[in-house]
Amino acid sequence: PYVYNKTSEVMISFDNADSFAAKGSYIKDTGLRGFAMWEAAGDYDDILLDSIRFAAGFD
């Protein structure tokens, strides 16, 4: 997902549970053996981590 401000012409992209699950599905479908995350400090309940792990089949 992303947000875009037409006035300032600034785009901000981010991940959520749905986008992480899509990335997990890609990992599984292509046979990759892992993934890397840059930052997950705000994922206190592991919602993002769990969504990619389960979709990738790493549960």
PDB file of N, CA and C in Angstrom:
ATOM      1  N   PRO A   1       0.817  -1.196   0.000  1.00  0.00           N
ATOM      2  CA  PRO A   1       0.000   0.000   0.000  1.00  0.00           C
ATOM      3  C   PRO A   1       0.864   1.265   0.000  1.00  0.00           C
ATOM      4  N   TYR A   2       0.236   2.366  -0.360  1.00  0.00           N
ATOM      5  CA  TYR A   2       0.941   3.644  -0.357  1.00  0.00           C
ATOM      6  C   TYR A   2      -0.069   4.777  -0.226  1.00  0.00           C
ATOM      7  N   VAL A   3       0.423   5.929   0.156  1.00  0.00           N
ATOM      8  CA  VAL A   3      -0.370   7.156   0.154  1.00  0.00           C
ATOM      9  C   VAL A   3       0.402   8.187  -0.655  1.00  0.00           C
ATOM     10  N   TYR A   4      -0.336   9.058  -1.331  1.00  0.00           N
ATOM     11  CA  TYR A   4       0.294  10.070  -2.174  1.00  0.00           C
ATOM     12  C   TYR A   4      -0.387  11.404  -1.941  1.00  0.00           C
ATOM     13  N   ASN A   5       0.412  12.438  -1.729  1.00  0.00           N
ATOM     14  CA  ASN A   5      -0.083  13.794  -1.573  1.00  0.00           C
ATOM     15  C   ASN A   5       0.207  14.554  -2.860  1.00  0.00           C
ATOM     16  N   LYS A   6      -0.844  14.896  -3.598  1.00  0.00           N
ATOM     17  CA  LYS A   6      -0.662  15.589  -4.877  1.00  0.00           C
ATOM     18  C   LYS A   6      -0.061  16.982  -4.703  1.00  0.00           C
ATOM     19  N   THR A   7      -0.402  17.640  -3.626  1.00  0.00           N
ATOM     20  CA  THR A   7       0.099  18.995  -3.402  1.00  0.00           C
ATOM     21  C   THR A   7       1.610  19.012  -3.204  1.00  0.00           C
ATOM     22  N   SER A   8       2.092  18.147  -2.343  1.00  0.00           N
ATOM     23  CA  SER A   8       3.533  18.117  -2.058  1.00  0.00           C
ATOM     24  C   SER A   8       4.284  17.119  -2.932  1.00  0.00           C
ATOM     25  N   GLU A   9       3.527  16.329  -3.705  1.00  0.00           N
ATOM     26  CA  GLU A   9       4.102  15.293  -4.571  1.00  0.00           C
ATOM     27  C   GLU A   9       4.978  14.313  -3.786  1.00  0.00           C
ATOM     28  N   VAL A  10       4.479  13.931  -2.621  1.00  0.00           N
ATOM     29  CA  VAL A  10       5.192  12.983  -1.757  1.00  0.00           C
ATOM     30  C   VAL A  10       4.415  11.673  -1.722  1.00  0.00           C
ATOM     31  N   MET A  11       5.120  10.577  -1.963  1.00  0.00           N
ATOM     32  CA  MET A  11       4.532   9.252  -1.872  1.00  0.00           C
ATOM     33  C   MET A  11       5.209   8.507  -0.726  1.00  0.00           C
ATOM     34  N   ILE A  12       4.400   7.851   0.088  1.00  0.00           N
ATOM     35  CA  ILE A  12       4.915   7.036   1.186  1.00  0.00           C
ATOM     36  C   ILE A  12       4.364   5.632   1.005  1.00  0.00           C
ATOM     37  N   SER A  13       5.256   4.656   0.921  1.00  0.00           N
ATOM     38  CA  SER A  13       4.822   3.265   0.826  1.00  0.00           C
ATOM     39  C   SER A  13       5.077   2.570   2.154  1.00  0.00           C
ATOM     40  N   PHE A  14       4.280   1.560   2.427  1.00  0.00           N
ATOM     41  CA  PHE A  14       4.392   0.843   3.691  1.00  0.00           C
ATOM     42  C   PHE A  14       3.846  -0.565   3.501  1.00  0.00           C
ATOM     43  N   ASP A  15       4.080  -1.414   4.472  1.00  0.00           N
ATOM     44  CA  ASP A  15       3.544  -2.769   4.446  1.00  0.00           C
ATOM     45  C   ASP A  15       2.483  -2.923   5.522  1.00  0.00           C
ATOM     46  N   ASN A  16       1.561  -3.835   5.263  1.00  0.00           N
ATOM     47  CA  ASN A  16       0.574  -4.226   6.260  1.00  0.00           C
ATOM     48  C   ASN A  16       0.453  -5.750   6.205  1.00  0.00           C
ATOM     49  N   ALA A  17      -0.445  -6.321   6.979  1.00  0.00           N
ATOM     50  CA  ALA A  17      -0.559  -7.779   7.035  1.00  0.00           C
ATOM     51  C   ALA A  17      -0.892  -8.372   5.668  1.00  0.00           C
ATOM     52  N   ASP A  18      -1.731  -7.704   4.883  1.00  0.00           N
ATOM     53  CA  ASP A  18      -2.088  -8.219   3.555  1.00  0.00           C
ATOM     54  C   ASP A  18      -0.895  -8.218   2.606  1.00  0.00           C
ATOM     55  N   SER A  19      -0.105  -7.153   2.623  1.00  0.00           N
ATOM     56  CA  SER A  19       1.048  -7.109   1.716  1.00  0.00           C
ATOM     57  C   SER A  19       2.121  -8.106   2.154  1.00  0.00           C
ATOM     58  N   PHE A  20       2.277  -8.307   3.455  1.00  0.00           N
ATOM     59  CA  PHE A  20       3.228  -9.314   3.921  1.00  0.00           C
ATOM     60  C   PHE A  20       2.762 -10.715   3.554  1.00  0.00           C
ATOM     61  N   ALA A  21       1.456 -10.971   3.620  1.00  0.00           N
ATOM     62  CA  ALA A  21       0.940 -12.278   3.212  1.00  0.00           C
ATOM     63  C   ALA A  21       1.175 -12.503   1.723  1.00  0.00           C
ATOM     64  N   ALA A  22       1.009 -11.467   0.909  1.00  0.00           N
ATOM     65  CA  ALA A  22       1.281 -11.593  -0.530  1.00  0.00           C
ATOM     66  C   ALA A  22       2.752 -11.904  -0.771  1.00  0.00           C
ATOM     67  N   LYS A  23       3.628 -11.272  -0.013  1.00  0.00           N
ATOM     68  CA  LYS A  23       5.061 -11.561  -0.130  1.00  0.00           C
ATOM     69  C   LYS A  23       5.356 -12.988   0.315  1.00  0.00           C
ATOM     70  N   GLY A  24       4.672 -13.440   1.356  1.00  0.00           N
ATOM     71  CA  GLY A  24       4.839 -14.821   1.808  1.00  0.00           C
ATOM     72  C   GLY A  24       4.387 -15.816   0.759  1.00  0.00           C
ATOM     73  N   SER A  25       3.296 -15.525   0.090  1.00  0.00           N
ATOM     74  CA  SER A  25       2.819 -16.395  -0.990  1.00  0.00           C
ATOM     75  C   SER A  25       3.825 -16.446  -2.129  1.00  0.00           C
ATOM     76  N   TYR A  26       4.438 -15.315  -2.435  1.00  0.00           N
ATOM     77  CA  TYR A  26       5.469 -15.273  -3.476  1.00  0.00           C
ATOM     78  C   TYR A  26       6.662 -16.137  -3.076  1.00  0.00           C
ATOM     79  N   ILE A  27       7.068 -16.052  -1.829  1.00  0.00           N
ATOM     80  CA  ILE A  27       8.176 -16.868  -1.330  1.00  0.00           C
ATOM     81  C   ILE A  27       7.861 -18.350  -1.525  1.00  0.00           C
ATOM     82  N   LYS A  28       6.651 -18.739  -1.139  1.00  0.00           N
ATOM     83  CA  LYS A  28       6.242 -20.144  -1.249  1.00  0.00           C
ATOM     84  C   LYS A  28       6.139 -20.578  -2.708  1.00  0.00           C
ATOM     85  N   ASP A  29       5.504 -19.761  -3.531  1.00  0.00           N
ATOM     86  CA  ASP A  29       5.275 -20.111  -4.938  1.00  0.00           C
ATOM     87  C   ASP A  29       6.563 -20.225  -5.743  1.00  0.00           C
ATOM     88  N   THR A  30       7.570 -19.453  -5.373  1.00  0.00           N
ATOM     89  CA  THR A  30       8.824 -19.467  -6.130  1.00  0.00           C
ATOM     90  C   THR A  30       9.884 -20.374  -5.515  1.00  0.00           C
ATOM     91  N   GLY A  31       9.563 -20.968  -4.368  1.00  0.00           N
ATOM     92  CA  GLY A  31      10.493 -21.899  -3.750  1.00  0.00           C
ATOM     93  C   GLY A  31      11.655 -21.249  -3.019  1.00  0.00           C
ATOM     94  N   LEU A  32      11.511 -19.968  -2.689  1.00  0.00           N
ATOM     95  CA  LEU A  32      12.568 -19.310  -1.921  1.00  0.00           C
ATOM     96  C   LEU A  32      12.637 -19.926  -0.526  1.00  0.00           C
ATOM     97  N   ARG A  33      13.772 -19.827   0.104  1.00  0.00           N
ATOM     98  CA  ARG A  33      13.965 -20.475   1.402  1.00  0.00           C
ATOM     99  C   ARG A  33      13.940 -19.516   2.584  1.00  0.00           C
ATOM    100  N   GLY A  34      13.652 -18.256   2.339  1.00  0.00           N
ATOM    101  CA  GLY A  34      13.611 -17.318   3.446  1.00  0.00           C
ATOM    102  C   GLY A  34      13.284 -15.918   2.993  1.00  0.00           C
ATOM    103  N   PHE A  35      13.371 -14.990   3.923  1.00  0.00           N
ATOM    104  CA  PHE A  35      13.086 -13.592   3.641  1.00  0.00           C
ATOM    105  C   PHE A  35      13.835 -12.729   4.648  1.00  0.00           C
ATOM    106  N   ALA A  36      13.949 -11.464   4.352  1.00  0.00           N
ATOM    107  CA  ALA A  36      14.585 -10.513   5.258  1.00  0.00           C
ATOM    108  C   ALA A  36      13.625  -9.358   5.505  1.00  0.00           C
ATOM    109  N   MET A  37      13.649  -8.846   6.706  1.00  0.00           N
ATOM    110  CA  MET A  37      12.843  -7.683   7.068  1.00  0.00           C
ATOM    111  C   MET A  37      13.788  -6.586   7.519  1.00  0.00           C
ATOM    112  N   TRP A  38      13.527  -5.375   7.091  1.00  0.00           N
ATOM    113  CA  TRP A  38      14.389  -4.258   7.470  1.00  0.00           C
ATOM    114  C   TRP A  38      14.059  -3.786   8.883  1.00  0.00           C
ATOM    115  N   GLU A  39      12.788  -3.625   9.182  1.00  0.00           N
ATOM    116  CA  GLU A  39      12.403  -3.065  10.477  1.00  0.00           C
ATOM    117  C   GLU A  39      11.055  -3.629  10.892  1.00  0.00           C
ATOM    118  N   ALA A  40      10.963  -4.113  12.106  1.00  0.00           N
ATOM    119  CA  ALA A  40       9.696  -4.634  12.614  1.00  0.00           C
ATOM    120  C   ALA A  40       9.502  -4.260  14.079  1.00  0.00           C
ATOM    121  N   ALA A  41      10.104  -3.176  14.509  1.00  0.00           N
ATOM    122  CA  ALA A  41      10.059  -2.791  15.918  1.00  0.00           C
ATOM    123  C   ALA A  41       8.642  -2.487  16.403  1.00  0.00           C
ATOM    124  N   GLY A  42       7.769  -2.032  15.526  1.00  0.00           N
ATOM    125  CA  GLY A  42       6.409  -1.713  15.930  1.00  0.00           C
ATOM    126  C   GLY A  42       5.444  -2.876  15.836  1.00  0.00           C
ATOM    127  N   ASP A  43       5.924  -4.024  15.429  1.00  0.00           N
ATOM    128  CA  ASP A  43       5.076  -5.212  15.255  1.00  0.00           C
ATOM    129  C   ASP A  43       5.025  -5.993  16.569  1.00  0.00           C
ATOM    130  N   TYR A  44       4.478  -5.359  17.610  1.00  0.00           N
ATOM    131  CA  TYR A  44       4.537  -5.910  18.963  1.00  0.00           C
ATOM    132  C   TYR A  44       3.858  -7.271  19.098  1.00  0.00           C
ATOM    133  N   ASP A  45       2.775  -7.496  18.400  1.00  0.00           N
ATOM    134  CA  ASP A  45       2.057  -8.772  18.500  1.00  0.00           C
ATOM    135  C   ASP A  45       2.414  -9.725  17.368  1.00  0.00           C
ATOM    136  N   ASP A  46       3.473  -9.423  16.632  1.00  0.00           N
ATOM    137  CA  ASP A  46       3.953 -10.257  15.517  1.00  0.00           C
ATOM    138  C   ASP A  46       2.914 -10.451  14.417  1.00  0.00           C
ATOM    139  N   ILE A  47       2.043  -9.481  14.225  1.00  0.00           N
ATOM    140  CA  ILE A  47       1.014  -9.587  13.190  1.00  0.00           C
ATOM    141  C   ILE A  47       1.651  -9.656  11.808  1.00  0.00           C
ATOM    142  N   LEU A  48       2.619  -8.786  11.532  1.00  0.00           N
ATOM    143  CA  LEU A  48       3.273  -8.788  10.221  1.00  0.00           C
ATOM    144  C   LEU A  48       4.133 -10.033  10.042  1.00  0.00           C
ATOM    145  N   LEU A  49       4.926 -10.343  11.040  1.00  0.00           N
ATOM    146  CA  LEU A  49       5.797 -11.511  10.955  1.00  0.00           C
ATOM    147  C   LEU A  49       4.986 -12.792  10.778  1.00  0.00           C
ATOM    148  N   ASP A  50       3.913 -12.941  11.536  1.00  0.00           N
ATOM    149  CA  ASP A  50       3.080 -14.137  11.410  1.00  0.00           C
ATOM    150  C   ASP A  50       2.434 -14.232  10.038  1.00  0.00           C
ATOM    151  N   SER A  51       1.990 -13.111   9.478  1.00  0.00           N
ATOM    152  CA  SER A  51       1.313 -13.159   8.181  1.00  0.00           C
ATOM    153  C   SER A  51       2.253 -13.630   7.080  1.00  0.00           C
ATOM    154  N   ILE A  52       3.505 -13.198   7.098  1.00  0.00           N
ATOM    155  CA  ILE A  52       4.442 -13.649   6.063  1.00  0.00           C
ATOM    156  C   ILE A  52       4.895 -15.083   6.336  1.00  0.00           C
ATOM    157  N   ARG A  53       5.118 -15.422   7.601  1.00  0.00           N
ATOM    158  CA  ARG A  53       5.544 -16.786   7.941  1.00  0.00           C
ATOM    159  C   ARG A  53       4.498 -17.816   7.536  1.00  0.00           C
ATOM    160  N   PHE A  54       3.245 -17.578   7.887  1.00  0.00           N
ATOM    161  CA  PHE A  54       2.189 -18.540   7.580  1.00  0.00           C
ATOM    162  C   PHE A  54       1.949 -18.649   6.077  1.00  0.00           C
ATOM    163  N   ALA A  55       1.944 -17.524   5.375  1.00  0.00           N
ATOM    164  CA  ALA A  55       1.730 -17.554   3.922  1.00  0.00           C
ATOM    165  C   ALA A  55       2.878 -18.248   3.205  1.00  0.00           C
ATOM    166  N   ALA A  56       4.088 -18.120   3.749  1.00  0.00           N
ATOM    167  CA  ALA A  56       5.260 -18.756   3.132  1.00  0.00           C
ATOM    168  C   ALA A  56       5.369 -20.229   3.504  1.00  0.00           C
ATOM    169  N   GLY A  57       4.596 -20.644   4.496  1.00  0.00           N
ATOM    170  CA  GLY A  57       4.654 -22.037   4.934  1.00  0.00           C
ATOM    171  C   GLY A  57       5.761 -22.308   5.931  1.00  0.00           C
ATOM    172  N   PHE A  58       6.216 -21.260   6.620  1.00  0.00           N
ATOM    173  CA  PHE A  58       7.278 -21.411   7.616  1.00  0.00           C
ATOM    174  C   PHE A  58       6.722 -21.573   9.027  1.00  0.00           C
ATOM    175  N   ASP A  59       5.477 -21.944   9.157  1.00  0.00           N
ATOM    176  CA  ASP A  59       4.878 -22.078  10.483  1.00  0.00           C
ATOM    177  C   ASP A  59       5.258 -23.412  11.045  1.00  0.00           C
TER     178      ASP A  59
END
